[in-house]
Amino acid sequence: MENNKELNNKKQCDIHVVSSSFKVGTYSLYRKGDRSYCHWSEGLKMVIEKDGVVIKLEGDEIKKLVGSLPQTVGGVY
């Protein structure tokens, strides 16, 4: 049987409040008629909003974010 200290520690780890506000969007600007190849992250912008806090990310920052995600056995996210 676990002692009270261990039980209290487990209760503190429970998160009962779930964010009611979460938005994420991405966009990319390009020149009309430009058909040259570029990396998927080039020119890409991302805006994340959670509970009134806004984070704006650009190409290299988005690559770091995506690179930190665990991959499945098939190598996809």
PDB file of N, CA and C in Angstrom:
ATOM      1  N   MET A   1       0.839  -1.183   0.000  1.00  0.00           N
ATOM      2  CA  MET A   1       0.000   0.000   0.000  1.00  0.00           C
ATOM      3  C   MET A   1       0.883   1.245   0.000  1.00  0.00           C
ATOM      4  N   GLU A   2       0.485   2.243  -0.766  1.00  0.00           N
ATOM      5  CA  GLU A   2       1.260   3.465  -0.878  1.00  0.00           C
ATOM      6  C   GLU A   2       1.017   4.361   0.326  1.00  0.00           C
ATOM      7  N   ASN A   3       2.036   5.099   0.704  1.00  0.00           N
ATOM      8  CA  ASN A   3       1.848   6.012   1.828  1.00  0.00           C
ATOM      9  C   ASN A   3       1.175   7.299   1.344  1.00  0.00           C
ATOM     10  N   ASN A   4       0.768   8.146   2.287  1.00  0.00           N
ATOM     11  CA  ASN A   4       0.026   9.370   1.955  1.00  0.00           C
ATOM     12  C   ASN A   4       0.831  10.331   1.085  1.00  0.00           C
ATOM     13  N   LYS A   5       2.140  10.416   1.316  1.00  0.00           N
ATOM     14  CA  LYS A   5       2.976  11.323   0.529  1.00  0.00           C
ATOM     15  C   LYS A   5       2.939  10.935  -0.947  1.00  0.00           C
ATOM     16  N   GLU A   6       3.038   9.638  -1.236  1.00  0.00           N
ATOM     17  CA  GLU A   6       2.981   9.175  -2.626  1.00  0.00           C
ATOM     18  C   GLU A   6       1.610   9.454  -3.236  1.00  0.00           C
ATOM     19  N   LEU A   7       0.543   9.265  -2.470  1.00  0.00           N
ATOM     20  CA  LEU A   7      -0.796   9.553  -2.970  1.00  0.00           C
ATOM     21  C   LEU A   7      -0.964  11.043  -3.267  1.00  0.00           C
ATOM     22  N   ASN A   8      -0.452  11.889  -2.386  1.00  0.00           N
ATOM     23  CA  ASN A   8      -0.537  13.332  -2.611  1.00  0.00           C
ATOM     24  C   ASN A   8       0.232  13.738  -3.864  1.00  0.00           C
ATOM     25  N   ASN A   9       1.387  13.141  -4.079  1.00  0.00           N
ATOM     26  CA  ASN A   9       2.166  13.442  -5.276  1.00  0.00           C
ATOM     27  C   ASN A   9       1.407  13.061  -6.542  1.00  0.00           C
ATOM     28  N   LYS A  10       0.730  11.933  -6.517  1.00  0.00           N
ATOM     29  CA  LYS A  10      -0.044  11.509  -7.681  1.00  0.00           C
ATOM     30  C   LYS A  10      -1.204  12.464  -7.928  1.00  0.00           C
ATOM     31  N   LYS A  11      -1.868  12.917  -6.886  1.00  0.00           N
ATOM     32  CA  LYS A  11      -2.989  13.836  -7.047  1.00  0.00           C
ATOM     33  C   LYS A  11      -2.524  15.165  -7.633  1.00  0.00           C
ATOM     34  N   GLN A  12      -1.330  15.602  -7.277  1.00  0.00           N
ATOM     35  CA  GLN A  12      -0.815  16.872  -7.788  1.00  0.00           C
ATOM     36  C   GLN A  12      -0.510  16.786  -9.279  1.00  0.00           C
ATOM     37  N   CYS A  13      -0.269  15.602  -9.789  1.00  0.00           N
ATOM     38  CA  CYS A  13       0.047  15.442 -11.203  1.00  0.00           C
ATOM     39  C   CYS A  13      -1.202  15.420 -12.079  1.00  0.00           C
ATOM     40  N   ASP A  14      -2.360  15.173 -11.500  1.00  0.00           N
ATOM     41  CA  ASP A  14      -3.601  15.160 -12.266  1.00  0.00           C
ATOM     42  C   ASP A  14      -3.929  16.574 -12.739  1.00  0.00           C
ATOM     43  N   ILE A  15      -4.264  16.700 -14.007  1.00  0.00           N
ATOM     44  CA  ILE A  15      -4.646  18.001 -14.549  1.00  0.00           C
ATOM     45  C   ILE A  15      -6.144  17.944 -14.845  1.00  0.00           C
ATOM     46  N   HIS A  16      -6.904  18.682 -14.080  1.00  0.00           N
ATOM     47  CA  HIS A  16      -8.354  18.652 -14.222  1.00  0.00           C
ATOM     48  C   HIS A  16      -8.872  19.733 -15.159  1.00  0.00           C
ATOM     49  N   VAL A  17      -8.106  20.812 -15.325  1.00  0.00           N
ATOM     50  CA  VAL A  17      -8.542  21.913 -16.167  1.00  0.00           C
ATOM     51  C   VAL A  17      -7.947  21.732 -17.561  1.00  0.00           C
ATOM     52  N   VAL A  18      -8.809  21.680 -18.546  1.00  0.00           N
ATOM     53  CA  VAL A  18      -8.370  21.558 -19.929  1.00  0.00           C
ATOM     54  C   VAL A  18      -8.623  22.892 -20.614  1.00  0.00           C
ATOM     55  N   SER A  19      -7.672  23.336 -21.399  1.00  0.00           N
ATOM     56  CA  SER A  19      -7.803  24.615 -22.082  1.00  0.00           C
ATOM     57  C   SER A  19      -9.068  24.650 -22.926  1.00  0.00           C
ATOM     58  N   SER A  20      -9.792  25.733 -22.813  1.00  0.00           N
ATOM     59  CA  SER A  20     -10.981  25.896 -23.634  1.00  0.00           C
ATOM     60  C   SER A  20     -10.659  26.692 -24.891  1.00  0.00           C
ATOM     61  N   SER A  21      -9.438  27.211 -24.981  1.00  0.00           N
ATOM     62  CA  SER A  21      -9.052  28.040 -26.106  1.00  0.00           C
ATOM     63  C   SER A  21      -7.749  27.545 -26.710  1.00  0.00           C
ATOM     64  N   PHE A  22      -7.836  26.971 -27.898  1.00  0.00           N
ATOM     65  CA  PHE A  22      -6.636  26.550 -28.613  1.00  0.00           C
ATOM     66  C   PHE A  22      -6.889  26.705 -30.098  1.00  0.00           C
ATOM     67  N   LYS A  23      -6.034  27.485 -30.758  1.00  0.00           N
ATOM     68  CA  LYS A  23      -6.155  27.681 -32.204  1.00  0.00           C
ATOM     69  C   LYS A  23      -4.764  27.584 -32.804  1.00  0.00           C
ATOM     70  N   VAL A  24      -4.687  27.034 -34.000  1.00  0.00           N
ATOM     71  CA  VAL A  24      -3.415  26.983 -34.713  1.00  0.00           C
ATOM     72  C   VAL A  24      -3.701  27.167 -36.199  1.00  0.00           C
ATOM     73  N   GLY A  25      -2.850  27.934 -36.842  1.00  0.00           N
ATOM     74  CA  GLY A  25      -3.004  28.158 -38.271  1.00  0.00           C
ATOM     75  C   GLY A  25      -1.652  28.324 -38.927  1.00  0.00           C
ATOM     76  N   THR A  26      -1.567  27.956 -40.200  1.00  0.00           N
ATOM     77  CA  THR A  26      -0.335  28.135 -40.963  1.00  0.00           C
ATOM     78  C   THR A  26      -0.661  28.810 -42.274  1.00  0.00           C
ATOM     79  N   TYR A  27       0.300  29.543 -42.789  1.00  0.00           N
ATOM     80  CA  TYR A  27       0.147  30.165 -44.097  1.00  0.00           C
ATOM     81  C   TYR A  27       1.522  30.371 -44.704  1.00  0.00           C
ATOM     82  N   SER A  28       1.540  30.522 -46.003  1.00  0.00           N
ATOM     83  CA  SER A  28       2.784  30.734 -46.718  1.00  0.00           C
ATOM     84  C   SER A  28       2.545  31.779 -47.792  1.00  0.00           C
ATOM     85  N   LEU A  29       3.475  32.699 -47.919  1.00  0.00           N
ATOM     86  CA  LEU A  29       3.377  33.711 -48.964  1.00  0.00           C
ATOM     87  C   LEU A  29       4.244  33.280 -50.141  1.00  0.00           C
ATOM     88  N   TYR A  30       3.740  33.429 -51.325  1.00  0.00           N
ATOM     89  CA  TYR A  30       4.506  33.089 -52.514  1.00  0.00           C
ATOM     90  C   TYR A  30       4.205  34.101 -53.607  1.00  0.00           C
ATOM     91  N   ARG A  31       5.103  34.172 -54.561  1.00  0.00           N
ATOM     92  CA  ARG A  31       4.908  35.073 -55.689  1.00  0.00           C
ATOM     93  C   ARG A  31       4.071  34.391 -56.753  1.00  0.00           C
ATOM     94  N   LYS A  32       3.082  35.085 -57.234  1.00  0.00           N
ATOM     95  CA  LYS A  32       2.220  34.541 -58.277  1.00  0.00           C
ATOM     96  C   LYS A  32       3.072  34.188 -59.499  1.00  0.00           C
ATOM     97  N   GLY A  33       2.900  33.000 -60.009  1.00  0.00           N
ATOM     98  CA  GLY A  33       3.633  32.543 -61.179  1.00  0.00           C
ATOM     99  C   GLY A  33       4.979  31.915 -60.862  1.00  0.00           C
ATOM    100  N   ASP A  34       5.416  31.944 -59.621  1.00  0.00           N
ATOM    101  CA  ASP A  34       6.696  31.342 -59.232  1.00  0.00           C
ATOM    102  C   ASP A  34       6.491  29.844 -59.039  1.00  0.00           C
ATOM    103  N   ARG A  35       7.080  29.052 -59.896  1.00  0.00           N
ATOM    104  CA  ARG A  35       6.884  27.600 -59.842  1.00  0.00           C
ATOM    105  C   ARG A  35       8.139  26.851 -59.398  1.00  0.00           C
ATOM    106  N   SER A  36       9.122  27.572 -58.885  1.00  0.00           N
ATOM    107  CA  SER A  36      10.356  26.901 -58.472  1.00  0.00           C
ATOM    108  C   SER A  36      10.126  26.126 -57.177  1.00  0.00           C
ATOM    109  N   TYR A  37      10.894  25.040 -57.012  1.00  0.00           N
ATOM    110  CA  TYR A  37      10.772  24.198 -55.816  1.00  0.00           C
ATOM    111  C   TYR A  37      11.446  24.872 -54.624  1.00  0.00           C
ATOM    112  N   CYS A  38      10.843  24.749 -53.470  1.00  0.00           N
ATOM    113  CA  CYS A  38      11.487  25.191 -52.238  1.00  0.00           C
ATOM    114  C   CYS A  38      11.119  24.205 -51.132  1.00  0.00           C
ATOM    115  N   HIS A  39      11.885  24.215 -50.050  1.00  0.00           N
ATOM    116  CA  HIS A  39      11.615  23.344 -48.910  1.00  0.00           C
ATOM    117  C   HIS A  39      10.248  23.698 -48.337  1.00  0.00           C
ATOM    118  N   TRP A  40       9.538  22.715 -47.807  1.00  0.00           N
ATOM    119  CA  TRP A  40       8.176  22.946 -47.302  1.00  0.00           C
ATOM    120  C   TRP A  40       8.115  24.039 -46.248  1.00  0.00           C
ATOM    121  N   SER A  41       9.209  24.245 -45.516  1.00  0.00           N
ATOM    122  CA  SER A  41       9.176  25.224 -44.432  1.00  0.00           C
ATOM    123  C   SER A  41       9.539  26.642 -44.895  1.00  0.00           C
ATOM    124  N   GLU A  42      10.074  26.765 -46.105  1.00  0.00           N
ATOM    125  CA  GLU A  42      10.510  28.065 -46.603  1.00  0.00           C
ATOM    126  C   GLU A  42       9.308  28.994 -46.796  1.00  0.00           C
ATOM    127  N   GLY A  43       9.324  30.121 -46.115  1.00  0.00           N
ATOM    128  CA  GLY A  43       8.239  31.086 -46.213  1.00  0.00           C
ATOM    129  C   GLY A  43       7.012  30.730 -45.380  1.00  0.00           C
ATOM    130  N   LEU A  44       7.053  29.593 -44.701  1.00  0.00           N
ATOM    131  CA  LEU A  44       5.911  29.142 -43.907  1.00  0.00           C
ATOM    132  C   LEU A  44       5.836  29.906 -42.589  1.00  0.00           C
ATOM    133  N   LYS A  45       4.655  30.289 -42.199  1.00  0.00           N
ATOM    134  CA  LYS A  45       4.400  30.975 -40.935  1.00  0.00           C
ATOM    135  C   LYS A  45       3.351  30.175 -40.168  1.00  0.00           C
ATOM    136  N   MET A  46       3.470  30.169 -38.838  1.00  0.00           N
ATOM    137  CA  MET A  46       2.496  29.474 -37.995  1.00  0.00           C
ATOM    138  C   MET A  46       2.140  30.380 -36.828  1.00  0.00           C
ATOM    139  N   VAL A  47       0.858  30.412 -36.518  1.00  0.00           N
ATOM    140  CA  VAL A  47       0.374  31.174 -35.370  1.00  0.00           C
ATOM    141  C   VAL A  47      -0.367  30.207 -34.461  1.00  0.00           C
ATOM    142  N   ILE A  48       0.055  30.146 -33.202  1.00  0.00           N
ATOM    143  CA  ILE A  48      -0.576  29.289 -32.200  1.00  0.00           C
ATOM    144  C   ILE A  48      -1.123  30.194 -31.115  1.00  0.00           C
ATOM    145  N   GLU A  49      -2.390  29.977 -30.748  1.00  0.00           N
ATOM    146  CA  GLU A  49      -2.999  30.748 -29.662  1.00  0.00           C
ATOM    147  C   GLU A  49      -3.591  29.783 -28.654  1.00  0.00           C
ATOM    148  N   LYS A  50      -3.243  29.976 -27.396  1.00  0.00           N
ATOM    149  CA  LYS A  50      -3.800  29.157 -26.323  1.00  0.00           C
ATOM    150  C   LYS A  50      -4.033  30.043 -25.113  1.00  0.00           C
ATOM    151  N   ASP A  51      -5.263  30.070 -24.666  1.00  0.00           N
ATOM    152  CA  ASP A  51      -5.657  30.835 -23.480  1.00  0.00           C
ATOM    153  C   ASP A  51      -5.170  32.282 -23.537  1.00  0.00           C
ATOM    154  N   GLY A  52      -5.276  32.900 -24.702  1.00  0.00           N
ATOM    155  CA  GLY A  52      -4.921  34.303 -24.848  1.00  0.00           C
ATOM    156  C   GLY A  52      -3.453  34.568 -25.126  1.00  0.00           C
ATOM    157  N   VAL A  53      -2.606  33.536 -25.113  1.00  0.00           N
ATOM    158  CA  VAL A  53      -1.191  33.702 -25.410  1.00  0.00           C
ATOM    159  C   VAL A  53      -0.972  33.335 -26.875  1.00  0.00           C
ATOM    160  N   VAL A  54      -0.315  34.220 -27.618  1.00  0.00           N
ATOM    161  CA  VAL A  54      -0.082  34.004 -29.044  1.00  0.00           C
ATOM    162  C   VAL A  54       1.409  33.784 -29.290  1.00  0.00           C
ATOM    163  N   ILE A  55       1.726  32.722 -30.031  1.00  0.00           N
ATOM    164  CA  ILE A  55       3.097  32.421 -30.428  1.00  0.00           C
ATOM    165  C   ILE A  55       3.127  32.426 -31.955  1.00  0.00           C
ATOM    166  N   LYS A  56       4.058  33.188 -32.526  1.00  0.00           N
ATOM    167  CA  LYS A  56       4.227  33.237 -33.971  1.00  0.00           C
ATOM    168  C   LYS A  56       5.559  32.585 -34.315  1.00  0.00           C
ATOM    169  N   LEU A  57       5.513  31.585 -35.196  1.00  0.00           N
ATOM    170  CA  LEU A  57       6.704  30.849 -35.597  1.00  0.00           C
ATOM    171  C   LEU A  57       6.947  31.023 -37.090  1.00  0.00           C
ATOM    172  N   GLU A  58       8.219  30.937 -37.483  1.00  0.00           N
ATOM    173  CA  GLU A  58       8.591  30.997 -38.894  1.00  0.00           C
ATOM    174  C   GLU A  58       9.286  29.704 -39.286  1.00  0.00           C
ATOM    175  N   GLY A  59       9.624  29.561 -40.568  1.00  0.00           N
ATOM    176  CA  GLY A  59      10.160  28.340 -41.172  1.00  0.00           C
ATOM    177  C   GLY A  59      11.067  27.487 -40.325  1.00  0.00           C
ATOM    178  N   ASP A  60      12.243  28.002 -39.928  1.00  0.00           N
ATOM    179  CA  ASP A  60      13.190  27.186 -39.159  1.00  0.00           C
ATOM    180  C   ASP A  60      12.640  26.797 -37.796  1.00  0.00           C
ATOM    181  N   GLU A  61      11.865  27.676 -37.185  1.00  0.00           N
ATOM    182  CA  GLU A  61      11.261  27.360 -35.884  1.00  0.00           C
ATOM    183  C   GLU A  61      10.232  26.248 -36.032  1.00  0.00           C
ATOM    184  N   ILE A  62       9.480  26.270 -37.130  1.00  0.00           N
ATOM    185  CA  ILE A  62       8.481  25.228 -37.385  1.00  0.00           C
ATOM    186  C   ILE A  62       9.178  23.896 -37.648  1.00  0.00           C
ATOM    187  N   LYS A  63      10.307  23.926 -38.388  1.00  0.00           N
ATOM    188  CA  LYS A  63      11.080  22.694 -38.617  1.00  0.00           C
ATOM    189  C   LYS A  63      11.534  22.098 -37.297  1.00  0.00           C
ATOM    190  N   LYS A  64      11.989  22.933 -36.358  1.00  0.00           N
ATOM    191  CA  LYS A  64      12.413  22.433 -35.042  1.00  0.00           C
ATOM    192  C   LYS A  64      11.238  21.820 -34.290  1.00  0.00           C
ATOM    193  N   LEU A  65      10.080  22.471 -34.372  1.00  0.00           N
ATOM    194  CA  LEU A  65       8.883  21.964 -33.707  1.00  0.00           C
ATOM    195  C   LEU A  65       8.491  20.602 -34.277  1.00  0.00           C
ATOM    196  N   VAL A  66       8.433  20.499 -35.597  1.00  0.00           N
ATOM    197  CA  VAL A  66       8.066  19.242 -36.246  1.00  0.00           C
ATOM    198  C   VAL A  66       9.119  18.170 -35.971  1.00  0.00           C
ATOM    199  N   GLY A  67      10.392  18.553 -35.986  1.00  0.00           N
ATOM    200  CA  GLY A  67      11.465  17.592 -35.733  1.00  0.00           C
ATOM    201  C   GLY A  67      11.461  17.030 -34.324  1.00  0.00           C
ATOM    202  N   SER A  68      10.803  17.722 -33.398  1.00  0.00           N
ATOM    203  CA  SER A  68      10.760  17.233 -32.020  1.00  0.00           C
ATOM    204  C   SER A  68       9.648  16.214 -31.799  1.00  0.00           C
ATOM    205  N   LEU A  69       8.746  16.060 -32.768  1.00  0.00           N
ATOM    206  CA  LEU A  69       7.646  15.104 -32.626  1.00  0.00           C
ATOM    207  C   LEU A  69       8.145  13.683 -32.806  1.00  0.00           C
ATOM    208  N   PRO A  70       7.588  12.741 -32.037  1.00  0.00           N
ATOM    209  CA  PRO A  70       7.988  11.342 -32.225  1.00  0.00           C
ATOM    210  C   PRO A  70       7.424  10.803 -33.536  1.00  0.00           C
ATOM    211  N   GLN A  71       8.204  10.001 -34.225  1.00  0.00           N
ATOM    212  CA  GLN A  71       7.741   9.404 -35.473  1.00  0.00           C
ATOM    213  C   GLN A  71       7.147   8.027 -35.195  1.00  0.00           C
ATOM    214  N   THR A  72       6.237   7.633 -36.079  1.00  0.00           N
ATOM    215  CA  THR A  72       5.654   6.302 -35.970  1.00  0.00           C
ATOM    216  C   THR A  72       6.638   5.303 -36.589  1.00  0.00           C
ATOM    217  N   VAL A  73       6.309   4.051 -36.527  1.00  0.00           N
ATOM    218  CA  VAL A  73       7.163   3.009 -37.102  1.00  0.00           C
ATOM    219  C   VAL A  73       7.361   3.246 -38.597  1.00  0.00           C
ATOM    220  N   GLY A  74       6.342   3.773 -39.264  1.00  0.00           N
ATOM    221  CA  GLY A  74       6.439   4.045 -40.695  1.00  0.00           C
ATOM    222  C   GLY A  74       7.211   5.319 -41.005  1.00  0.00           C
ATOM    223  N   GLY A  75       7.640   6.064 -39.987  1.00  0.00           N
ATOM    224  CA  GLY A  75       8.434   7.261 -40.206  1.00  0.00           C
ATOM    225  C   GLY A  75       7.623   8.512 -40.461  1.00  0.00           C
ATOM    226  N   VAL A  76       6.326   8.464 -40.166  1.00  0.00           N
ATOM    227  CA  VAL A  76       5.466   9.638 -40.370  1.00  0.00           C
ATOM    228  C   VAL A  76       4.970  10.134 -39.013  1.00  0.00           C
ATOM    229  N   TYR A  77       4.362  11.315 -39.018  1.00  0.00           N
ATOM    230  CA  TYR A  77       3.862  11.888 -37.775  1.00  0.00           C
ATOM    231  C   TYR A  77       2.391  11.612 -37.604  1.00  0.00           C
TER     232      TYR A  77
END
